[in-house]
Amino acid sequence: MKSSILSLLLLFGLTVAPALAQSPNVPVFWDEKEQFTVPDLSTRERIRFLTTTDFAPFNFLDANGRLSGFHVDLARAICRELKISDRCQIQALPWSELDAALSDKQGEALLAGVAITAESREKYAFTRPYLRFPARFVATNASNFAEPLYQSLQSRRIGVVAASSHERMLKADFPKSVAIPYPDAKTMQDELAEGKLDAVFGDGMRLAIWLGTSQEAGCCRFVGGPYIAPEHLGQGLAIAVPKEDQELAQAFNYALHEIGVKGIFAELYLRYFPISFY
């Protein structure tokens, strides 16, 4: 029973690109055979994406002060697919100003990680998710975890950030492990590197960044997973537009599909996440 549940968590909404099935893995969210109507945006004078500058590697200012990041390159790729590059704009604002800016028609879309919730759906129309954040386990290089992982986790000390969605998920889906709550991710990761834990469980994207940028993380590697669990981790990232502009959301879906099946998304993903969190 437990094995079946974890298999569903692993496979929900996720496949791995066959050409990249070794490592690193790239998530695939679009079916190549799926058909989308080619959008007509010829009457639109402008498509401006609103984003922020404080969520690297998605949005940030580079060494020359230029707006950069995964979301910036994704917006440009969308505009190329829609053949509107000459009318495409990207503007960064503080997070707290994004909602009002879209309402005041200072832009046409939010590309900034707006959570998909019942409340946000009252204000926005969303594209389909273009990226989800799986939960992952990280253990030391010398660890002996084996599949099925949930059996290997029995009685193991697993670090997790206290009161987080990952703590709730760990306790619900891996109840035979011993959850060790920490006040923050850094303390947890430091103790893993020092050998005080058998593994840690958390956001795969942030753990991948740690593995790629922290000297201490040379101790460790991903094991098991990825685990997709919308009921714990949310629906993922999608582009938000005004609720009444369903046409634009569908145009973006068309572009995201084309970017996915042509391999453009894979190139962008590996550019910013060379250590894949999938």
C-alpha atoms as a PDB file:
ATOM      1  CA  MET A   1       0.000   0.000   0.000  1.00  0.00           C
ATOM      2  CA  LYS A   2       2.705   2.459   0.994  1.00  0.00           C
ATOM      3  CA  SER A   3       4.717   1.621  -2.121  1.00  0.00           C
ATOM      4  CA  SER A   4       1.692   2.399  -4.301  1.00  0.00           C
ATOM      5  CA  ILE A   5       1.131   5.748  -2.603  1.00  0.00           C
ATOM      6  CA  LEU A   6       4.746   6.790  -3.077  1.00  0.00           C
ATOM      7  CA  SER A   7       4.707   5.718  -6.708  1.00  0.00           C
ATOM      8  CA  LEU A   8       1.747   7.997  -7.292  1.00  0.00           C
ATOM      9  CA  LEU A   9       3.557  10.845  -5.591  1.00  0.00           C
ATOM     10  CA  LEU A  10       6.546  10.286  -7.816  1.00  0.00           C
ATOM     11  CA  LEU A  11       4.609  10.027 -11.069  1.00  0.00           C
ATOM     12  CA  PHE A  12       1.886  12.639 -10.572  1.00  0.00           C
ATOM     13  CA  GLY A  13       2.236  15.215 -13.315  1.00  0.00           C
ATOM     14  CA  LEU A  14       5.791  14.227 -14.166  1.00  0.00           C
ATOM     15  CA  THR A  15       7.760  12.403 -16.782  1.00  0.00           C
ATOM     16  CA  VAL A  16      11.450  12.675 -17.583  1.00  0.00           C
ATOM     17  CA  ALA A  17      12.680  13.614 -21.031  1.00  0.00           C
ATOM     18  CA  PRO A  18      13.979  10.388 -22.627  1.00  0.00           C
ATOM     19  CA  ALA A  19      17.014  12.078 -24.157  1.00  0.00           C
ATOM     20  CA  LEU A  20      18.007  13.320 -20.751  1.00  0.00           C
ATOM     21  CA  ALA A  21      17.020  10.253 -18.749  1.00  0.00           C
ATOM     22  CA  GLN A  22      20.496   9.705 -17.322  1.00  0.00           C
ATOM     23  CA  SER A  23      21.467  12.848 -15.446  1.00  0.00           C
ATOM     24  CA  PRO A  24      20.574  15.593 -15.064  1.00  0.00           C
ATOM     25  CA  ASN A  25      16.873  14.904 -15.489  1.00  0.00           C
ATOM     26  CA  VAL A  26      14.543  17.494 -16.994  1.00  0.00           C
ATOM     27  CA  PRO A  27      10.818  17.486 -16.100  1.00  0.00           C
ATOM     28  CA  VAL A  28       8.332  17.267 -18.970  1.00  0.00           C
ATOM     29  CA  PHE A  29       4.835  18.649 -18.378  1.00  0.00           C
ATOM     30  CA  TRP A  30       3.530  18.801 -21.940  1.00  0.00           C
ATOM     31  CA  ASP A  31       2.328  16.017 -24.225  1.00  0.00           C
ATOM     32  CA  GLU A  32       3.838  16.365 -27.697  1.00  0.00           C
ATOM     33  CA  LYS A  33       0.583  15.068 -29.233  1.00  0.00           C
ATOM     34  CA  GLU A  34      -1.604  17.597 -27.437  1.00  0.00           C
ATOM     35  CA  GLN A  35      -3.143  20.176 -29.771  1.00  0.00           C
ATOM     36  CA  PHE A  36      -3.438  23.895 -29.026  1.00  0.00           C
ATOM     37  CA  THR A  37      -5.097  26.579 -31.144  1.00  0.00           C
ATOM     38  CA  VAL A  38      -2.586  28.985 -32.651  1.00  0.00           C
ATOM     39  CA  PRO A  39      -3.387  32.327 -30.979  1.00  0.00           C
ATOM     40  CA  ASP A  40      -4.002  35.605 -32.796  1.00  0.00           C
ATOM     41  CA  LEU A  41      -2.493  38.478 -30.824  1.00  0.00           C
ATOM     42  CA  SER A  42      -2.244  40.853 -33.778  1.00  0.00           C
ATOM     43  CA  THR A  43      -4.512  43.456 -32.158  1.00  0.00           C
ATOM     44  CA  ARG A  44      -2.474  43.619 -28.958  1.00  0.00           C
ATOM     45  CA  GLU A  45      -0.222  46.662 -28.866  1.00  0.00           C
ATOM     46  CA  ARG A  46       1.874  45.319 -25.989  1.00  0.00           C
ATOM     47  CA  ILE A  47       2.464  42.250 -23.847  1.00  0.00           C
ATOM     48  CA  ARG A  48       4.292  43.265 -20.688  1.00  0.00           C
ATOM     49  CA  PHE A  49       5.364  40.691 -18.121  1.00  0.00           C
ATOM     50  CA  LEU A  50       5.677  41.915 -14.544  1.00  0.00           C
ATOM     51  CA  THR A  51       8.187  40.208 -12.282  1.00  0.00           C
ATOM     52  CA  THR A  52      10.547  40.944  -9.379  1.00  0.00           C
ATOM     53  CA  THR A  53      14.318  41.114  -8.830  1.00  0.00           C
ATOM     54  CA  ASP A  54      14.650  39.192  -5.572  1.00  0.00           C
ATOM     55  CA  PHE A  55      14.096  35.503  -6.330  1.00  0.00           C
ATOM     56  CA  ALA A  56      17.301  34.167  -7.866  1.00  0.00           C
ATOM     57  CA  PRO A  57      17.767  32.238 -10.082  1.00  0.00           C
ATOM     58  CA  PHE A  58      14.285  33.087 -11.371  1.00  0.00           C
ATOM     59  CA  ASN A  59      14.557  36.880 -11.262  1.00  0.00           C
ATOM     60  CA  PHE A  60      17.624  38.919 -10.277  1.00  0.00           C
ATOM     61  CA  LEU A  61      19.898  41.771 -11.327  1.00  0.00           C
ATOM     62  CA  ASP A  62      23.187  40.574 -12.801  1.00  0.00           C
ATOM     63  CA  ALA A  63      26.623  42.127 -12.198  1.00  0.00           C
ATOM     64  CA  ASN A  64      25.793  44.859 -14.717  1.00  0.00           C
ATOM     65  CA  GLY A  65      22.437  45.647 -13.145  1.00  0.00           C
ATOM     66  CA  ARG A  66      20.460  43.994 -15.923  1.00  0.00           C
ATOM     67  CA  LEU A  67      17.295  42.039 -15.194  1.00  0.00           C
ATOM     68  CA  SER A  68      18.137  38.366 -15.626  1.00  0.00           C
ATOM     69  CA  GLY A  69      16.988  34.903 -14.648  1.00  0.00           C
ATOM     70  CA  PHE A  70      14.942  31.889 -15.654  1.00  0.00           C
ATOM     71  CA  HIS A  71      11.689  33.861 -15.770  1.00  0.00           C
ATOM     72  CA  VAL A  72      13.224  36.587 -17.903  1.00  0.00           C
ATOM     73  CA  ASP A  73      14.507  34.105 -20.472  1.00  0.00           C
ATOM     74  CA  LEU A  74      11.222  32.184 -20.342  1.00  0.00           C
ATOM     75  CA  ALA A  75       9.254  35.373 -21.105  1.00  0.00           C
ATOM     76  CA  ARG A  76      11.491  36.079 -24.092  1.00  0.00           C
ATOM     77  CA  ALA A  77      11.066  32.523 -25.351  1.00  0.00           C
ATOM     78  CA  ILE A  78       7.279  32.839 -25.047  1.00  0.00           C
ATOM     79  CA  CYS A  79       7.329  36.067 -27.027  1.00  0.00           C
ATOM     80  CA  ARG A  80       9.399  34.469 -29.778  1.00  0.00           C
ATOM     81  CA  GLU A  81       6.962  31.563 -30.056  1.00  0.00           C
ATOM     82  CA  LEU A  82       4.034  33.998 -30.250  1.00  0.00           C
ATOM     83  CA  LYS A  83       5.934  36.176 -32.772  1.00  0.00           C
ATOM     84  CA  ILE A  84       5.452  39.289 -30.654  1.00  0.00           C
ATOM     85  CA  SER A  85       9.064  39.998 -29.639  1.00  0.00           C
ATOM     86  CA  ASP A  86       8.758  43.563 -30.978  1.00  0.00           C
ATOM     87  CA  ARG A  87       5.843  44.172 -28.610  1.00  0.00           C
ATOM     88  CA  CYS A  88       7.132  42.153 -25.669  1.00  0.00           C
ATOM     89  CA  GLN A  89       8.299  43.883 -22.484  1.00  0.00           C
ATOM     90  CA  ILE A  90       9.517  42.730 -19.063  1.00  0.00           C
ATOM     91  CA  GLN A  91       9.366  45.007 -16.029  1.00  0.00           C
ATOM     92  CA  ALA A  92      10.504  44.342 -12.466  1.00  0.00           C
ATOM     93  CA  LEU A  93       8.641  45.721  -9.469  1.00  0.00           C
ATOM     94  CA  PRO A  94       8.631  45.022  -5.733  1.00  0.00           C
ATOM     95  CA  TRP A  95       6.499  41.970  -4.945  1.00  0.00           C
ATOM     96  CA  SER A  96       4.046  44.071  -2.943  1.00  0.00           C
ATOM     97  CA  GLU A  97       3.265  46.231  -5.998  1.00  0.00           C
ATOM     98  CA  LEU A  98       2.607  43.469  -8.544  1.00  0.00           C
ATOM     99  CA  ASP A  99      -1.097  42.964  -7.884  1.00  0.00           C
ATOM    100  CA  ALA A 100      -1.930  46.673  -8.081  1.00  0.00           C
ATOM    101  CA  ALA A 101       0.204  47.107 -11.185  1.00  0.00           C
ATOM    102  CA  LEU A 102      -1.682  44.362 -13.022  1.00  0.00           C
ATOM    103  CA  SER A 103      -5.021  45.792 -11.870  1.00  0.00           C
ATOM    104  CA  ASP A 104      -3.972  49.237 -13.135  1.00  0.00           C
ATOM    105  CA  LYS A 105      -3.054  47.705 -16.516  1.00  0.00           C
ATOM    106  CA  GLN A 106       0.630  48.536 -16.132  1.00  0.00           C
ATOM    107  CA  GLY A 107       1.236  45.032 -17.438  1.00  0.00           C
ATOM    108  CA  GLU A 108      -0.592  42.090 -18.934  1.00  0.00           C
ATOM    109  CA  ALA A 109       0.855  39.155 -16.978  1.00  0.00           C
ATOM    110  CA  LEU A 110       2.578  38.216 -13.736  1.00  0.00           C
ATOM    111  CA  LEU A 111       5.588  35.929 -14.097  1.00  0.00           C
ATOM    112  CA  ALA A 112       6.702  35.902 -10.496  1.00  0.00           C
ATOM    113  CA  GLY A 113       5.576  32.747  -8.721  1.00  0.00           C
ATOM    114  CA  VAL A 114       2.059  33.773  -7.724  1.00  0.00           C
ATOM    115  CA  ALA A 115       0.582  30.843  -5.786  1.00  0.00           C
ATOM    116  CA  ILE A 116      -2.377  29.082  -7.393  1.00  0.00           C
ATOM    117  CA  THR A 117      -5.055  29.026  -4.698  1.00  0.00           C
ATOM    118  CA  ALA A 118      -8.832  29.323  -4.531  1.00  0.00           C
ATOM    119  CA  GLU A 119      -8.368  32.943  -3.449  1.00  0.00           C
ATOM    120  CA  SER A 120      -5.929  33.860  -6.232  1.00  0.00           C
ATOM    121  CA  ARG A 121      -8.215  32.266  -8.841  1.00  0.00           C
ATOM    122  CA  GLU A 122     -10.815  34.882  -7.906  1.00  0.00           C
ATOM    123  CA  LYS A 123      -8.466  37.558  -9.296  1.00  0.00           C
ATOM    124  CA  TYR A 124      -6.396  35.801 -11.947  1.00  0.00           C
ATOM    125  CA  ALA A 125      -6.608  33.329 -14.772  1.00  0.00           C
ATOM    126  CA  PHE A 126      -3.607  30.996 -14.756  1.00  0.00           C
ATOM    127  CA  THR A 127      -1.788  29.087 -17.415  1.00  0.00           C
ATOM    128  CA  ARG A 128      -1.085  25.452 -16.785  1.00  0.00           C
ATOM    129  CA  PRO A 129       1.933  24.992 -14.493  1.00  0.00           C
ATOM    130  CA  TYR A 130       5.266  25.154 -16.305  1.00  0.00           C
ATOM    131  CA  LEU A 131       7.322  24.009 -13.315  1.00  0.00           C
ATOM    132  CA  ARG A 132       6.622  22.163 -10.079  1.00  0.00           C
ATOM    133  CA  PHE A 133       8.794  21.982  -6.980  1.00  0.00           C
ATOM    134  CA  PRO A 134       9.208  18.382  -5.834  1.00  0.00           C
ATOM    135  CA  ALA A 135      10.299  17.308  -2.383  1.00  0.00           C
ATOM    136  CA  ARG A 136      13.642  15.516  -2.281  1.00  0.00           C
ATOM    137  CA  PHE A 137      15.830  13.635   0.166  1.00  0.00           C
ATOM    138  CA  VAL A 138      19.517  14.484   0.434  1.00  0.00           C
ATOM    139  CA  ALA A 139      21.907  12.121   2.219  1.00  0.00           C
ATOM    140  CA  THR A 140      25.657  11.903   2.646  1.00  0.00           C
ATOM    141  CA  ASN A 141      27.710  10.381  -0.161  1.00  0.00           C
ATOM    142  CA  ALA A 142      28.590   7.453   2.108  1.00  0.00           C
ATOM    143  CA  SER A 143      24.955   6.628   2.900  1.00  0.00           C
ATOM    144  CA  ASN A 144      23.507   3.247   1.956  1.00  0.00           C
ATOM    145  CA  PHE A 145      19.930   4.180   1.057  1.00  0.00           C
ATOM    146  CA  ALA A 146      18.352   1.799  -1.452  1.00  0.00           C
ATOM    147  CA  GLU A 147      15.037   1.463  -3.229  1.00  0.00           C
ATOM    148  CA  PRO A 148      12.293   1.165  -2.218  1.00  0.00           C
ATOM    149  CA  LEU A 149      13.390   4.210  -0.297  1.00  0.00           C
ATOM    150  CA  TYR A 150      10.557   4.214   2.231  1.00  0.00           C
ATOM    151  CA  GLN A 151      11.891   0.913   3.603  1.00  0.00           C
ATOM    152  CA  SER A 152      15.435   2.275   3.826  1.00  0.00           C
ATOM    153  CA  LEU A 153      14.163   5.242   5.821  1.00  0.00           C
ATOM    154  CA  GLN A 154      12.880   3.115   8.695  1.00  0.00           C
ATOM    155  CA  SER A 155      14.238   4.446  12.004  1.00  0.00           C
ATOM    156  CA  ARG A 156      16.557   6.882  10.158  1.00  0.00           C
ATOM    157  CA  ARG A 157      17.006  10.405  11.519  1.00  0.00           C
ATOM    158  CA  ILE A 158      15.664  12.780   8.860  1.00  0.00           C
ATOM    159  CA  GLY A 159      16.097  16.524   9.223  1.00  0.00           C
ATOM    160  CA  VAL A 160      13.213  18.745   8.139  1.00  0.00           C
ATOM    161  CA  VAL A 161      12.288  22.390   8.688  1.00  0.00           C
ATOM    162  CA  ALA A 162       9.837  22.627  11.575  1.00  0.00           C
ATOM    163  CA  ALA A 163       6.172  23.436  10.885  1.00  0.00           C
ATOM    164  CA  SER A 164       6.773  23.283   7.116  1.00  0.00           C
ATOM    165  CA  SER A 165       4.782  21.520   4.427  1.00  0.00           C
ATOM    166  CA  HIS A 166       7.730  19.162   4.064  1.00  0.00           C
ATOM    167  CA  GLU A 167       7.515  18.182   7.737  1.00  0.00           C
ATOM    168  CA  ARG A 168       3.828  17.385   7.303  1.00  0.00           C
ATOM    169  CA  MET A 169       4.567  15.395   4.158  1.00  0.00           C
ATOM    170  CA  LEU A 170       7.443  13.487   5.774  1.00  0.00           C
ATOM    171  CA  LYS A 171       5.302  12.451   8.733  1.00  0.00           C
ATOM    172  CA  ALA A 172       2.337  11.512   6.529  1.00  0.00           C
ATOM    173  CA  ASP A 173       4.136   9.550   3.814  1.00  0.00           C
ATOM    174  CA  PHE A 174       7.275   8.286   5.568  1.00  0.00           C
ATOM    175  CA  PRO A 175       5.963   7.600   9.083  1.00  0.00           C
ATOM    176  CA  LYS A 176       8.633   5.018   9.914  1.00  0.00           C
ATOM    177  CA  SER A 177      11.403   7.595   9.650  1.00  0.00           C
ATOM    178  CA  VAL A 178      12.344   9.750  12.643  1.00  0.00           C
ATOM    179  CA  ALA A 179      11.609  13.380  11.842  1.00  0.00           C
ATOM    180  CA  ILE A 180      14.108  15.807  13.412  1.00  0.00           C
ATOM    181  CA  PRO A 181      12.682  19.350  13.120  1.00  0.00           C
ATOM    182  CA  TYR A 182      14.987  22.354  12.687  1.00  0.00           C
ATOM    183  CA  PRO A 183      14.243  26.078  12.896  1.00  0.00           C
ATOM    184  CA  ASP A 184      15.791  26.747   9.470  1.00  0.00           C
ATOM    185  CA  ALA A 185      17.248  24.973   6.445  1.00  0.00           C
ATOM    186  CA  LYS A 186      20.843  26.134   6.965  1.00  0.00           C
ATOM    187  CA  THR A 187      21.136  24.636  10.438  1.00  0.00           C
ATOM    188  CA  MET A 188      19.626  21.402   9.143  1.00  0.00           C
ATOM    189  CA  GLN A 189      21.996  21.219   6.168  1.00  0.00           C
ATOM    190  CA  ASP A 190      25.035  22.020   8.302  1.00  0.00           C
ATOM    191  CA  GLU A 191      24.201  19.152  10.650  1.00  0.00           C
ATOM    192  CA  LEU A 192      23.774  16.782   7.718  1.00  0.00           C
ATOM    193  CA  ALA A 193      27.229  17.791   6.457  1.00  0.00           C
ATOM    194  CA  GLU A 194      28.617  17.143   9.956  1.00  0.00           C
ATOM    195  CA  GLY A 195      27.162  13.630   9.960  1.00  0.00           C
ATOM    196  CA  LYS A 196      24.578  14.288  12.666  1.00  0.00           C
ATOM    197  CA  LEU A 197      21.662  13.208  10.441  1.00  0.00           C
ATOM    198  CA  ASP A 198      21.022  10.321   8.083  1.00  0.00           C
ATOM    199  CA  ALA A 199      19.315  12.585   5.551  1.00  0.00           C
ATOM    200  CA  VAL A 200      17.293  15.771   5.140  1.00  0.00           C
ATOM    201  CA  PHE A 201      13.939  16.271   3.408  1.00  0.00           C
ATOM    202  CA  GLY A 202      12.897  19.527   1.810  1.00  0.00           C
ATOM    203  CA  ASP A 203      12.342  21.618  -1.296  1.00  0.00           C
ATOM    204  CA  GLY A 204      14.245  19.995  -4.164  1.00  0.00           C
ATOM    205  CA  MET A 205      15.009  23.294  -5.900  1.00  0.00           C
ATOM    206  CA  ARG A 206      16.610  24.890  -2.845  1.00  0.00           C
ATOM    207  CA  LEU A 207      18.470  21.685  -2.000  1.00  0.00           C
ATOM    208  CA  ALA A 208      19.834  21.549  -5.568  1.00  0.00           C
ATOM    209  CA  ILE A 209      21.121  25.106  -5.244  1.00  0.00           C
ATOM    210  CA  TRP A 210      22.764  24.185  -1.930  1.00  0.00           C
ATOM    211  CA  LEU A 211      24.394  21.125  -3.491  1.00  0.00           C
ATOM    212  CA  GLY A 212      25.752  23.273  -6.294  1.00  0.00           C
ATOM    213  CA  THR A 213      26.972  26.314  -4.395  1.00  0.00           C
ATOM    214  CA  SER A 214      27.937  25.297  -0.862  1.00  0.00           C
ATOM    215  CA  GLN A 215      31.358  23.845  -0.089  1.00  0.00           C
ATOM    216  CA  GLU A 216      29.826  21.895   2.788  1.00  0.00           C
ATOM    217  CA  ALA A 217      27.356  20.294   0.369  1.00  0.00           C
ATOM    218  CA  GLY A 218      30.194  18.350  -1.260  1.00  0.00           C
ATOM    219  CA  CYS A 219      29.392  15.754   1.374  1.00  0.00           C
ATOM    220  CA  CYS A 220      26.008  14.934  -0.036  1.00  0.00           C
ATOM    221  CA  ARG A 221      23.747  13.820  -2.874  1.00  0.00           C
ATOM    222  CA  PHE A 222      20.106  13.361  -3.792  1.00  0.00           C
ATOM    223  CA  VAL A 223      18.558   9.974  -2.975  1.00  0.00           C
ATOM    224  CA  GLY A 224      15.104   8.782  -4.027  1.00  0.00           C
ATOM    225  CA  GLY A 225      12.389  10.979  -5.428  1.00  0.00           C
ATOM    226  CA  PRO A 226      11.419  13.420  -6.824  1.00  0.00           C
ATOM    227  CA  TYR A 227       8.119  13.462  -4.942  1.00  0.00           C
ATOM    228  CA  ILE A 228       5.277  15.543  -6.350  1.00  0.00           C
ATOM    229  CA  ALA A 229       2.483  16.192  -3.850  1.00  0.00           C
ATOM    230  CA  PRO A 230       0.170  19.115  -4.731  1.00  0.00           C
ATOM    231  CA  GLU A 231      -1.823  18.630  -1.532  1.00  0.00           C
ATOM    232  CA  HIS A 232       1.325  19.478   0.446  1.00  0.00           C
ATOM    233  CA  LEU A 233       3.463  21.503  -1.953  1.00  0.00           C
ATOM    234  CA  GLY A 234       1.022  23.454  -4.097  1.00  0.00           C
ATOM    235  CA  GLN A 235       0.321  23.441  -7.824  1.00  0.00           C
ATOM    236  CA  GLY A 236       3.662  24.819  -8.985  1.00  0.00           C
ATOM    237  CA  LEU A 237       4.529  27.878 -11.058  1.00  0.00           C
ATOM    238  CA  ALA A 238       2.154  29.344 -13.630  1.00  0.00           C
ATOM    239  CA  ILE A 239       1.703  32.680 -15.390  1.00  0.00           C
ATOM    240  CA  ALA A 240      -1.124  34.834 -14.004  1.00  0.00           C
ATOM    241  CA  VAL A 241      -3.200  37.207 -16.128  1.00  0.00           C
ATOM    242  CA  PRO A 242      -6.351  39.208 -15.330  1.00  0.00           C
ATOM    243  CA  LYS A 243      -9.235  36.802 -14.777  1.00  0.00           C
ATOM    244  CA  GLU A 244     -11.176  38.148 -17.739  1.00  0.00           C
ATOM    245  CA  ASP A 245      -8.267  37.614 -20.159  1.00  0.00           C
ATOM    246  CA  GLN A 246      -8.603  33.883 -20.761  1.00  0.00           C
ATOM    247  CA  GLU A 247      -7.478  34.399 -24.359  1.00  0.00           C
ATOM    248  CA  LEU A 248      -4.031  35.523 -23.235  1.00  0.00           C
ATOM    249  CA  ALA A 249      -3.704  32.620 -20.794  1.00  0.00           C
ATOM    250  CA  GLN A 250      -4.478  30.204 -23.641  1.00  0.00           C
ATOM    251  CA  ALA A 251      -1.944  31.956 -25.878  1.00  0.00           C
ATOM    252  CA  PHE A 252       0.695  31.449 -23.207  1.00  0.00           C
ATOM    253  CA  ASN A 253      -0.319  27.782 -22.893  1.00  0.00           C
ATOM    254  CA  TYR A 254       0.263  27.376 -26.616  1.00  0.00           C
ATOM    255  CA  ALA A 255       3.705  28.976 -26.328  1.00  0.00           C
ATOM    256  CA  LEU A 256       4.656  26.958 -23.241  1.00  0.00           C
ATOM    257  CA  HIS A 257       3.659  23.757 -25.036  1.00  0.00           C
ATOM    258  CA  GLU A 258       5.810  24.651 -28.048  1.00  0.00           C
ATOM    259  CA  ILE A 259       8.746  25.600 -25.819  1.00  0.00           C
ATOM    260  CA  GLY A 260       8.410  22.278 -24.040  1.00  0.00           C
ATOM    261  CA  VAL A 261       8.180  19.953 -27.033  1.00  0.00           C
ATOM    262  CA  LYS A 262      10.928  21.762 -28.970  1.00  0.00           C
ATOM    263  CA  GLY A 263      13.435  21.315 -26.137  1.00  0.00           C
ATOM    264  CA  ILE A 264      13.718  25.039 -25.407  1.00  0.00           C
ATOM    265  CA  PHE A 265      12.411  24.596 -21.876  1.00  0.00           C
ATOM    266  CA  ALA A 266      15.040  21.902 -21.221  1.00  0.00           C
ATOM    267  CA  GLU A 267      17.792  24.292 -22.324  1.00  0.00           C
ATOM    268  CA  LEU A 268      16.523  27.039 -20.025  1.00  0.00           C
ATOM    269  CA  TYR A 269      16.058  24.652 -17.127  1.00  0.00           C
ATOM    270  CA  LEU A 270      19.598  23.278 -17.322  1.00  0.00           C
ATOM    271  CA  ARG A 271      21.027  26.776 -17.798  1.00  0.00           C
ATOM    272  CA  TYR A 272      19.730  27.848 -14.401  1.00  0.00           C
ATOM    273  CA  PHE A 273      19.522  24.469 -12.642  1.00  0.00           C
ATOM    274  CA  PRO A 274      22.599  22.495 -13.763  1.00  0.00           C
ATOM    275  CA  ILE A 275      22.033  20.257 -10.737  1.00  0.00           C
ATOM    276  CA  SER A 276      18.519  19.146 -11.550  1.00  0.00           C
ATOM    277  CA  PHE A 277      16.043  18.910  -8.687  1.00  0.00           C
ATOM    278  CA  TYR A 278      14.209  16.140 -10.574  1.00  0.00           C
END
